[in-house]
Amino acid sequence: METTDLNTIIDDSENKIWKNLFIDGSSYKNYSTVIVIATRGKKTESCLCECGKTVSIEYQMGFHPWVVEGWKRLIKPMNVPIIELVISGHEVGVAYEEAMEQILTNPQLEGFKYVLFMEDDVIIPYIPASYGALIELYKHLETYDVACGIYWTKGEPSLPLIYGDGDIKNPIPFKVNTNWRTGDVVEVNGAGMGFALMKRSIFEDKRLERPFFKSLNEVTPTGQQIGSTQDLYFYNKIKQLGYRICVDTNIRAGHLDIISEKVY
C-alpha cells in the first residue's frame, strides 16, 4: 500500500484544510498566569437637589459591556491555572503596585510564571484564523520578556502607544514609533499596559527596586517638571536592566472612552 508523507499532505494546496487539524505541540508548557485587572472602582458625582443644596452621590462603576465581551472571547491556555486579580478604586500605578505585592507575597501564587495586565478601557481583539490574542503573546515570550498588543491614545490626533526602537540609550528613548506595518513584531522601549503579558521573574530580580510602578507628576528643586505614566516608568526601569519588550501590531486593541463610548 502506498504511503504518503504527512508534510506532503499538509503542503498540498488542494488539502490545506489538513493544516487546521494539527496544533503546535506546546500545551505541555507551564503557562500559569495571574491576570491583573485595574478598574476605576467607585465614582462620585455632584448634583443639585430640589432644596437648593448640592449633594454628592457615590456609586460603584461596573465594567463596560464592550470590554467584557472582549475578555469573554479571550482564549486561555488549557490545563494550567489562570487566576484573575481585580484591583479597584486606585490610580492605575497604585493598583499595579498593590497587585504585584499580593502576587509576590501569596504562597498560593508562588509557582505562577506570567502576569497579564489588562485595563477596563481596553477592548481585546478577536483574531480570526488564530489561537487568539493571548496565545500569540505567549509565543513572543520565547524571545522577549514582555509582549504587548497595540492600541492608540484617546483624543485627536490619536497616536499608537508604542515607544522607541528597543535601544534605551537613544537620545529620545520614548519617542512615538511609527516605523512599522500592521503585522510586524516590533522591539520597543515602552508601550501601553492595557494588554501586556510579562514574565513574573522580572519582578523577582533583586536589581529591580520598588516601587515597580509610579505615575510621576513632579517638579524638581530646579523647577524642571517631570511627568511619566506608570507604564513608561516601569519599562524604563527594566530596560536599564537589559530586559526586552515587544509589541505585536497584529493584536490591535480598542481604547475606549467610557464617557463618550468612542473607541480609538
C-alpha atoms as a PDB file:
ATOM      1  CA  MET A   1       0.000   0.000   0.000  1.00  0.00           C
ATOM      2  CA  GLU A   2       1.431   3.344  -0.997  1.00  0.00           C
ATOM      3  CA  THR A   3       2.169   5.684   1.911  1.00  0.00           C
ATOM      4  CA  THR A   4       2.014   9.460   1.829  1.00  0.00           C
ATOM      5  CA  ASP A   5       4.295  11.683   3.841  1.00  0.00           C
ATOM      6  CA  LEU A   6       2.365  13.843   6.344  1.00  0.00           C
ATOM      7  CA  ASN A   7       4.216  17.006   5.281  1.00  0.00           C
ATOM      8  CA  THR A   8       3.181  16.360   1.691  1.00  0.00           C
ATOM      9  CA  ILE A   9      -0.462  16.245   2.757  1.00  0.00           C
ATOM     10  CA  ILE A  10      -0.153  19.487   4.714  1.00  0.00           C
ATOM     11  CA  ASP A  11       1.698  21.322   1.938  1.00  0.00           C
ATOM     12  CA  ASP A  12      -0.611  20.118  -0.807  1.00  0.00           C
ATOM     13  CA  SER A  13      -2.567  23.182  -1.950  1.00  0.00           C
ATOM     14  CA  GLU A  14      -5.631  21.007  -2.539  1.00  0.00           C
ATOM     15  CA  ASN A  15      -5.586  19.758   1.044  1.00  0.00           C
ATOM     16  CA  LYS A  16      -4.941  22.928   3.016  1.00  0.00           C
ATOM     17  CA  ILE A  17      -7.786  22.007   5.335  1.00  0.00           C
ATOM     18  CA  TRP A  18      -5.423  19.455   6.901  1.00  0.00           C
ATOM     19  CA  LYS A  19      -3.385  22.307   8.368  1.00  0.00           C
ATOM     20  CA  ASN A  20      -6.241  23.170  10.699  1.00  0.00           C
ATOM     21  CA  LEU A  21      -6.247  19.653  12.135  1.00  0.00           C
ATOM     22  CA  PHE A  22      -2.752  19.831  13.579  1.00  0.00           C
ATOM     23  CA  ILE A  23      -1.998  22.098  16.534  1.00  0.00           C
ATOM     24  CA  ASP A  24       1.522  23.054  17.556  1.00  0.00           C
ATOM     25  CA  GLY A  25       2.568  20.903  20.485  1.00  0.00           C
ATOM     26  CA  SER A  26       3.063  23.457  23.255  1.00  0.00           C
ATOM     27  CA  SER A  27       0.148  22.618  25.537  1.00  0.00           C
ATOM     28  CA  TYR A  28       2.527  20.807  27.880  1.00  0.00           C
ATOM     29  CA  LYS A  29       4.271  24.066  28.812  1.00  0.00           C
ATOM     30  CA  ASN A  30       3.616  25.883  32.068  1.00  0.00           C
ATOM     31  CA  TYR A  31       1.627  28.963  31.093  1.00  0.00           C
ATOM     32  CA  SER A  32       0.267  29.580  34.599  1.00  0.00           C
ATOM     33  CA  THR A  33      -0.795  33.219  34.688  1.00  0.00           C
ATOM     34  CA  VAL A  34      -2.190  35.798  37.071  1.00  0.00           C
ATOM     35  CA  ILE A  35      -4.416  38.243  35.195  1.00  0.00           C
ATOM     36  CA  VAL A  36      -4.341  41.687  36.837  1.00  0.00           C
ATOM     37  CA  ILE A  37      -7.327  43.891  36.047  1.00  0.00           C
ATOM     38  CA  ALA A  38      -7.192  47.532  37.139  1.00  0.00           C
ATOM     39  CA  THR A  39     -10.607  49.169  37.353  1.00  0.00           C
ATOM     40  CA  ARG A  40     -11.808  52.580  38.428  1.00  0.00           C
ATOM     41  CA  GLY A  41     -13.984  51.304  41.266  1.00  0.00           C
ATOM     42  CA  LYS A  42     -16.165  53.962  42.866  1.00  0.00           C
ATOM     43  CA  LYS A  43     -17.091  57.297  41.310  1.00  0.00           C
ATOM     44  CA  THR A  44     -18.509  60.403  42.934  1.00  0.00           C
ATOM     45  CA  GLU A  45     -20.780  62.908  41.176  1.00  0.00           C
ATOM     46  CA  SER A  46     -22.411  66.057  42.463  1.00  0.00           C
ATOM     47  CA  CYS A  47     -25.929  67.191  41.647  1.00  0.00           C
ATOM     48  CA  LEU A  48     -28.267  69.986  42.693  1.00  0.00           C
ATOM     49  CA  CYS A  49     -31.092  68.892  44.965  1.00  0.00           C
ATOM     50  CA  GLU A  50     -34.623  70.387  44.734  1.00  0.00           C
ATOM     51  CA  CYS A  51     -33.986  72.094  48.066  1.00  0.00           C
ATOM     52  CA  GLY A  52     -31.144  74.050  46.511  1.00  0.00           C
ATOM     53  CA  LYS A  53     -28.312  72.120  48.165  1.00  0.00           C
ATOM     54  CA  THR A  54     -25.530  70.333  46.272  1.00  0.00           C
ATOM     55  CA  VAL A  55     -25.289  66.674  47.194  1.00  0.00           C
ATOM     56  CA  SER A  56     -22.658  64.078  46.308  1.00  0.00           C
ATOM     57  CA  ILE A  57     -23.629  60.650  45.064  1.00  0.00           C
ATOM     58  CA  GLU A  58     -21.120  57.802  45.172  1.00  0.00           C
ATOM     59  CA  TYR A  59     -21.693  54.700  43.081  1.00  0.00           C
ATOM     60  CA  GLN A  60     -19.750  51.647  42.015  1.00  0.00           C
ATOM     61  CA  MET A  61     -18.667  51.652  38.390  1.00  0.00           C
ATOM     62  CA  GLY A  62     -19.003  48.367  36.524  1.00  0.00           C
ATOM     63  CA  PHE A  63     -17.165  47.033  33.514  1.00  0.00           C
ATOM     64  CA  HIS A  64     -18.322  48.317  30.139  1.00  0.00           C
ATOM     65  CA  PRO A  65     -20.039  45.512  28.156  1.00  0.00           C
ATOM     66  CA  TRP A  66     -17.802  46.034  25.139  1.00  0.00           C
ATOM     67  CA  VAL A  67     -14.736  45.430  27.298  1.00  0.00           C
ATOM     68  CA  VAL A  68     -16.310  42.389  28.959  1.00  0.00           C
ATOM     69  CA  GLU A  69     -17.171  40.931  25.562  1.00  0.00           C
ATOM     70  CA  GLY A  70     -13.511  41.159  24.571  1.00  0.00           C
ATOM     71  CA  TRP A  71     -12.468  39.384  27.765  1.00  0.00           C
ATOM     72  CA  LYS A  72     -15.025  36.613  27.198  1.00  0.00           C
ATOM     73  CA  ARG A  73     -13.584  35.925  23.748  1.00  0.00           C
ATOM     74  CA  LEU A  74     -10.066  35.617  25.173  1.00  0.00           C
ATOM     75  CA  ILE A  75      -8.789  32.085  24.565  1.00  0.00           C
ATOM     76  CA  LYS A  76      -6.722  30.932  27.546  1.00  0.00           C
ATOM     77  CA  PRO A  77      -4.211  28.065  27.618  1.00  0.00           C
ATOM     78  CA  MET A  78      -5.637  24.738  28.702  1.00  0.00           C
ATOM     79  CA  ASN A  79      -4.536  22.548  31.605  1.00  0.00           C
ATOM     80  CA  VAL A  80      -2.811  25.344  33.534  1.00  0.00           C
ATOM     81  CA  PRO A  81      -4.030  27.557  36.388  1.00  0.00           C
ATOM     82  CA  ILE A  82      -5.275  31.010  35.416  1.00  0.00           C
ATOM     83  CA  ILE A  83      -6.339  33.422  38.186  1.00  0.00           C
ATOM     84  CA  GLU A  84      -7.905  36.863  37.856  1.00  0.00           C
ATOM     85  CA  LEU A  85      -6.956  39.544  40.363  1.00  0.00           C
ATOM     86  CA  VAL A  86      -9.149  42.652  40.236  1.00  0.00           C
ATOM     87  CA  ILE A  87      -7.835  45.813  41.923  1.00  0.00           C
ATOM     88  CA  SER A  88     -10.411  48.605  42.074  1.00  0.00           C
ATOM     89  CA  GLY A  89     -10.645  52.148  43.337  1.00  0.00           C
ATOM     90  CA  HIS A  90      -6.966  53.086  42.908  1.00  0.00           C
ATOM     91  CA  GLU A  91      -4.935  55.169  40.494  1.00  0.00           C
ATOM     92  CA  VAL A  92      -3.561  52.670  37.964  1.00  0.00           C
ATOM     93  CA  GLY A  93       0.060  52.861  39.152  1.00  0.00           C
ATOM     94  CA  VAL A  94      -1.018  52.229  42.737  1.00  0.00           C
ATOM     95  CA  ALA A  95      -3.279  49.397  41.567  1.00  0.00           C
ATOM     96  CA  TYR A  96      -0.475  47.627  39.736  1.00  0.00           C
ATOM     97  CA  GLU A  97       1.883  48.040  42.682  1.00  0.00           C
ATOM     98  CA  GLU A  98      -0.743  46.592  45.024  1.00  0.00           C
ATOM     99  CA  ALA A  99      -1.332  43.680  42.653  1.00  0.00           C
ATOM    100  CA  MET A 100       2.341  42.749  42.476  1.00  0.00           C
ATOM    101  CA  GLU A 101       2.651  42.939  46.265  1.00  0.00           C
ATOM    102  CA  GLN A 102      -0.141  40.374  46.558  1.00  0.00           C
ATOM    103  CA  ILE A 103       1.302  38.140  43.844  1.00  0.00           C
ATOM    104  CA  LEU A 104       4.822  38.103  45.267  1.00  0.00           C
ATOM    105  CA  THR A 105       3.805  37.526  48.884  1.00  0.00           C
ATOM    106  CA  ASN A 106       0.990  34.980  48.442  1.00  0.00           C
ATOM    107  CA  PRO A 107       2.365  31.414  48.770  1.00  0.00           C
ATOM    108  CA  GLN A 108      -0.507  30.078  46.644  1.00  0.00           C
ATOM    109  CA  LEU A 109       0.699  32.187  43.708  1.00  0.00           C
ATOM    110  CA  GLU A 110       4.367  31.335  44.084  1.00  0.00           C
ATOM    111  CA  GLY A 111       4.539  28.976  41.117  1.00  0.00           C
ATOM    112  CA  PHE A 112       2.798  31.218  38.579  1.00  0.00           C
ATOM    113  CA  LYS A 113       5.133  32.097  35.688  1.00  0.00           C
ATOM    114  CA  TYR A 114       3.394  35.006  33.971  1.00  0.00           C
ATOM    115  CA  VAL A 115       1.467  38.175  34.739  1.00  0.00           C
ATOM    116  CA  LEU A 116      -1.060  39.611  32.282  1.00  0.00           C
ATOM    117  CA  PHE A 117      -2.094  43.234  32.807  1.00  0.00           C
ATOM    118  CA  MET A 118      -5.473  44.326  31.447  1.00  0.00           C
ATOM    119  CA  GLU A 119      -7.327  47.609  31.933  1.00  0.00           C
ATOM    120  CA  ASP A 120     -11.040  48.324  31.989  1.00  0.00           C
ATOM    121  CA  ASP A 121     -10.964  50.652  28.975  1.00  0.00           C
ATOM    122  CA  VAL A 122      -9.087  48.363  26.570  1.00  0.00           C
ATOM    123  CA  ILE A 123     -11.099  46.127  24.227  1.00  0.00           C
ATOM    124  CA  ILE A 124      -9.152  42.940  23.495  1.00  0.00           C
ATOM    125  CA  PRO A 125      -9.497  41.958  19.818  1.00  0.00           C
ATOM    126  CA  TYR A 126     -10.832  38.697  18.477  1.00  0.00           C
ATOM    127  CA  ILE A 127      -8.369  37.442  15.864  1.00  0.00           C
ATOM    128  CA  PRO A 128      -9.850  35.062  13.250  1.00  0.00           C
ATOM    129  CA  ALA A 129      -7.671  32.200  11.961  1.00  0.00           C
ATOM    130  CA  SER A 130      -5.579  32.371  15.131  1.00  0.00           C
ATOM    131  CA  TYR A 131      -5.444  30.730  18.547  1.00  0.00           C
ATOM    132  CA  GLY A 132      -6.229  34.142  19.989  1.00  0.00           C
ATOM    133  CA  ALA A 133      -4.512  37.312  21.151  1.00  0.00           C
ATOM    134  CA  LEU A 134      -3.234  35.918  24.463  1.00  0.00           C
ATOM    135  CA  ILE A 135      -1.805  32.747  22.916  1.00  0.00           C
ATOM    136  CA  GLU A 136       0.088  34.881  20.406  1.00  0.00           C
ATOM    137  CA  LEU A 137       1.641  36.877  23.262  1.00  0.00           C
ATOM    138  CA  TYR A 138       2.902  33.704  24.950  1.00  0.00           C
ATOM    139  CA  LYS A 139       4.777  32.806  21.770  1.00  0.00           C
ATOM    140  CA  HIS A 140       6.708  36.083  21.846  1.00  0.00           C
ATOM    141  CA  LEU A 141       7.995  35.378  25.356  1.00  0.00           C
ATOM    142  CA  GLU A 142      10.282  32.754  23.861  1.00  0.00           C
ATOM    143  CA  THR A 143      12.371  35.727  22.685  1.00  0.00           C
ATOM    144  CA  TYR A 144      11.210  38.708  24.750  1.00  0.00           C
ATOM    145  CA  ASP A 145      10.441  39.343  28.423  1.00  0.00           C
ATOM    146  CA  VAL A 146       7.343  41.491  27.827  1.00  0.00           C
ATOM    147  CA  ALA A 147       4.862  41.215  24.944  1.00  0.00           C
ATOM    148  CA  CYS A 148       2.045  43.702  24.329  1.00  0.00           C
ATOM    149  CA  GLY A 149      -0.821  44.303  21.988  1.00  0.00           C
ATOM    150  CA  ILE A 150      -1.089  47.737  20.406  1.00  0.00           C
ATOM    151  CA  TYR A 151      -3.702  50.418  20.961  1.00  0.00           C
ATOM    152  CA  TRP A 152      -3.943  54.179  20.472  1.00  0.00           C
ATOM    153  CA  THR A 153      -4.164  57.259  22.685  1.00  0.00           C
ATOM    154  CA  LYS A 154      -7.549  58.836  23.310  1.00  0.00           C
ATOM    155  CA  GLY A 155      -8.027  62.191  21.597  1.00  0.00           C
ATOM    156  CA  GLU A 156      -7.022  63.828  18.351  1.00  0.00           C
ATOM    157  CA  PRO A 157      -4.594  63.095  16.895  1.00  0.00           C
ATOM    158  CA  SER A 158      -4.696  59.506  18.141  1.00  0.00           C
ATOM    159  CA  LEU A 159      -1.171  58.096  18.334  1.00  0.00           C
ATOM    160  CA  PRO A 160      -0.037  54.473  18.710  1.00  0.00           C
ATOM    161  CA  LEU A 161       1.141  53.613  22.224  1.00  0.00           C
ATOM    162  CA  ILE A 162       4.448  52.242  21.015  1.00  0.00           C
ATOM    163  CA  TYR A 163       7.659  53.988  22.043  1.00  0.00           C
ATOM    164  CA  GLY A 164      11.287  53.738  20.953  1.00  0.00           C
ATOM    165  CA  ASP A 165      13.108  51.111  18.938  1.00  0.00           C
ATOM    166  CA  GLY A 166      14.471  48.905  21.730  1.00  0.00           C
ATOM    167  CA  ASP A 167      17.622  50.974  22.301  1.00  0.00           C
ATOM    168  CA  ILE A 168      17.202  52.710  25.659  1.00  0.00           C
ATOM    169  CA  LYS A 169      20.399  54.710  25.032  1.00  0.00           C
ATOM    170  CA  ASN A 170      18.825  56.689  22.185  1.00  0.00           C
ATOM    171  CA  PRO A 171      18.643  60.463  22.855  1.00  0.00           C
ATOM    172  CA  ILE A 172      14.817  60.249  22.833  1.00  0.00           C
ATOM    173  CA  PRO A 173      14.190  56.685  24.082  1.00  0.00           C
ATOM    174  CA  PHE A 174      10.397  57.045  24.333  1.00  0.00           C
ATOM    175  CA  LYS A 175       9.631  58.777  21.061  1.00  0.00           C
ATOM    176  CA  VAL A 176       6.440  57.505  19.385  1.00  0.00           C
ATOM    177  CA  ASN A 177       7.459  54.785  16.939  1.00  0.00           C
ATOM    178  CA  THR A 178       5.614  54.801  13.597  1.00  0.00           C
ATOM    179  CA  ASN A 179       8.241  52.839  11.671  1.00  0.00           C
ATOM    180  CA  TRP A 180       6.253  49.616  11.326  1.00  0.00           C
ATOM    181  CA  ARG A 181       3.486  47.969   9.350  1.00  0.00           C
ATOM    182  CA  THR A 182       0.486  46.096  10.678  1.00  0.00           C
ATOM    183  CA  GLY A 183       1.552  42.548  11.479  1.00  0.00           C
ATOM    184  CA  ASP A 184       5.112  43.473  12.488  1.00  0.00           C
ATOM    185  CA  VAL A 185       6.509  42.404  15.850  1.00  0.00           C
ATOM    186  CA  VAL A 186       8.430  45.492  16.950  1.00  0.00           C
ATOM    187  CA  GLU A 187      11.055  45.665  19.671  1.00  0.00           C
ATOM    188  CA  VAL A 188      10.419  48.811  21.712  1.00  0.00           C
ATOM    189  CA  ASN A 189      11.350  50.676  24.869  1.00  0.00           C
ATOM    190  CA  GLY A 190       7.776  51.026  26.050  1.00  0.00           C
ATOM    191  CA  ALA A 191       4.116  50.533  25.234  1.00  0.00           C
ATOM    192  CA  GLY A 192       0.678  50.706  26.786  1.00  0.00           C
ATOM    193  CA  MET A 193      -0.017  48.194  29.547  1.00  0.00           C
ATOM    194  CA  GLY A 194      -3.713  47.719  28.839  1.00  0.00           C
ATOM    195  CA  PHE A 195      -2.940  44.299  27.356  1.00  0.00           C
ATOM    196  CA  ALA A 196       0.595  43.300  28.344  1.00  0.00           C
ATOM    197  CA  LEU A 197       1.961  39.861  29.199  1.00  0.00           C
ATOM    198  CA  MET A 198       5.251  39.531  31.043  1.00  0.00           C
ATOM    199  CA  LYS A 199       7.414  37.082  32.923  1.00  0.00           C
ATOM    200  CA  ARG A 200       6.945  37.021  36.677  1.00  0.00           C
ATOM    201  CA  SER A 201      10.717  36.579  37.061  1.00  0.00           C
ATOM    202  CA  ILE A 202      11.203  40.257  36.134  1.00  0.00           C
ATOM    203  CA  PHE A 203       9.669  41.262  39.459  1.00  0.00           C
ATOM    204  CA  GLU A 204      11.843  38.757  41.349  1.00  0.00           C
ATOM    205  CA  ASP A 205      15.032  40.344  40.001  1.00  0.00           C
ATOM    206  CA  LYS A 206      16.816  41.777  43.061  1.00  0.00           C
ATOM    207  CA  ARG A 207      18.190  44.611  40.926  1.00  0.00           C
ATOM    208  CA  LEU A 208      14.684  45.952  40.269  1.00  0.00           C
ATOM    209  CA  GLU A 209      13.910  48.441  43.022  1.00  0.00           C
ATOM    210  CA  ARG A 210      10.485  49.314  44.410  1.00  0.00           C
ATOM    211  CA  PRO A 211       8.166  50.843  43.505  1.00  0.00           C
ATOM    212  CA  PHE A 212       7.769  48.915  40.271  1.00  0.00           C
ATOM    213  CA  PHE A 213       5.073  51.321  39.070  1.00  0.00           C
ATOM    214  CA  LYS A 214       4.683  55.015  39.715  1.00  0.00           C
ATOM    215  CA  SER A 215       2.844  57.803  37.942  1.00  0.00           C
ATOM    216  CA  LEU A 216       5.083  60.875  38.027  1.00  0.00           C
ATOM    217  CA  ASN A 217       3.977  64.483  38.065  1.00  0.00           C
ATOM    218  CA  GLU A 218       6.712  66.238  40.000  1.00  0.00           C
ATOM    219  CA  VAL A 219       8.746  69.422  39.973  1.00  0.00           C
ATOM    220  CA  THR A 220      12.459  69.218  40.770  1.00  0.00           C
ATOM    221  CA  PRO A 221      14.211  71.765  43.046  1.00  0.00           C
ATOM    222  CA  THR A 222      15.495  73.450  39.866  1.00  0.00           C
ATOM    223  CA  GLY A 223      11.954  73.942  38.580  1.00  0.00           C
ATOM    224  CA  GLN A 224      12.019  71.161  35.981  1.00  0.00           C
ATOM    225  CA  GLN A 225       8.720  69.335  35.607  1.00  0.00           C
ATOM    226  CA  ILE A 226       8.928  65.545  35.400  1.00  0.00           C
ATOM    227  CA  GLY A 227       5.957  63.561  34.145  1.00  0.00           C
ATOM    228  CA  SER A 228       5.586  59.905  33.306  1.00  0.00           C
ATOM    229  CA  THR A 229       2.828  57.328  33.209  1.00  0.00           C
ATOM    230  CA  GLN A 230       3.186  54.221  35.361  1.00  0.00           C
ATOM    231  CA  ASP A 231       3.892  52.019  32.335  1.00  0.00           C
ATOM    232  CA  LEU A 232       6.799  54.052  30.940  1.00  0.00           C
ATOM    233  CA  TYR A 233       8.187  54.438  34.461  1.00  0.00           C
ATOM    234  CA  PHE A 234       8.251  50.641  34.757  1.00  0.00           C
ATOM    235  CA  TYR A 235       9.550  49.993  31.251  1.00  0.00           C
ATOM    236  CA  ASN A 236      12.396  52.463  31.696  1.00  0.00           C
ATOM    237  CA  LYS A 237      13.496  50.628  34.849  1.00  0.00           C
ATOM    238  CA  ILE A 238      13.526  47.169  33.275  1.00  0.00           C
ATOM    239  CA  LYS A 239      15.127  48.336  30.023  1.00  0.00           C
ATOM    240  CA  GLN A 240      18.013  49.695  32.077  1.00  0.00           C
ATOM    241  CA  LEU A 241      18.452  46.132  33.398  1.00  0.00           C
ATOM    242  CA  GLY A 242      18.556  44.618  29.913  1.00  0.00           C
ATOM    243  CA  TYR A 243      15.040  43.219  29.574  1.00  0.00           C
ATOM    244  CA  ARG A 244      13.439  43.161  26.129  1.00  0.00           C
ATOM    245  CA  ILE A 245       9.944  44.393  25.213  1.00  0.00           C
ATOM    246  CA  CYS A 246       7.963  43.838  22.046  1.00  0.00           C
ATOM    247  CA  VAL A 247       4.647  44.923  20.556  1.00  0.00           C
ATOM    248  CA  ASP A 248       2.701  42.659  18.220  1.00  0.00           C
ATOM    249  CA  THR A 249       1.000  45.110  15.858  1.00  0.00           C
ATOM    250  CA  ASN A 250      -1.333  42.396  14.618  1.00  0.00           C
ATOM    251  CA  ILE A 251      -3.041  42.473  18.030  1.00  0.00           C
ATOM    252  CA  ARG A 252      -4.905  45.766  17.621  1.00  0.00           C
ATOM    253  CA  ALA A 253      -6.929  46.560  20.732  1.00  0.00           C
ATOM    254  CA  GLY A 254      -9.504  49.311  21.088  1.00  0.00           C
ATOM    255  CA  HIS A 255      -9.064  52.148  23.597  1.00  0.00           C
ATOM    256  CA  LEU A 256     -12.494  53.063  24.908  1.00  0.00           C
ATOM    257  CA  ASP A 257     -13.513  56.497  26.102  1.00  0.00           C
ATOM    258  CA  ILE A 258     -16.055  55.285  28.644  1.00  0.00           C
ATOM    259  CA  ILE A 259     -17.939  58.602  28.781  1.00  0.00           C
ATOM    260  CA  SER A 260     -18.414  59.195  25.039  1.00  0.00           C
ATOM    261  CA  GLU A 261     -18.145  55.489  24.066  1.00  0.00           C
ATOM    262  CA  LYS A 262     -15.763  56.415  21.260  1.00  0.00           C
ATOM    263  CA  VAL A 263     -13.160  53.772  20.523  1.00  0.00           C
ATOM    264  CA  TYR A 264      -9.670  54.820  19.417  1.00  0.00           C
END
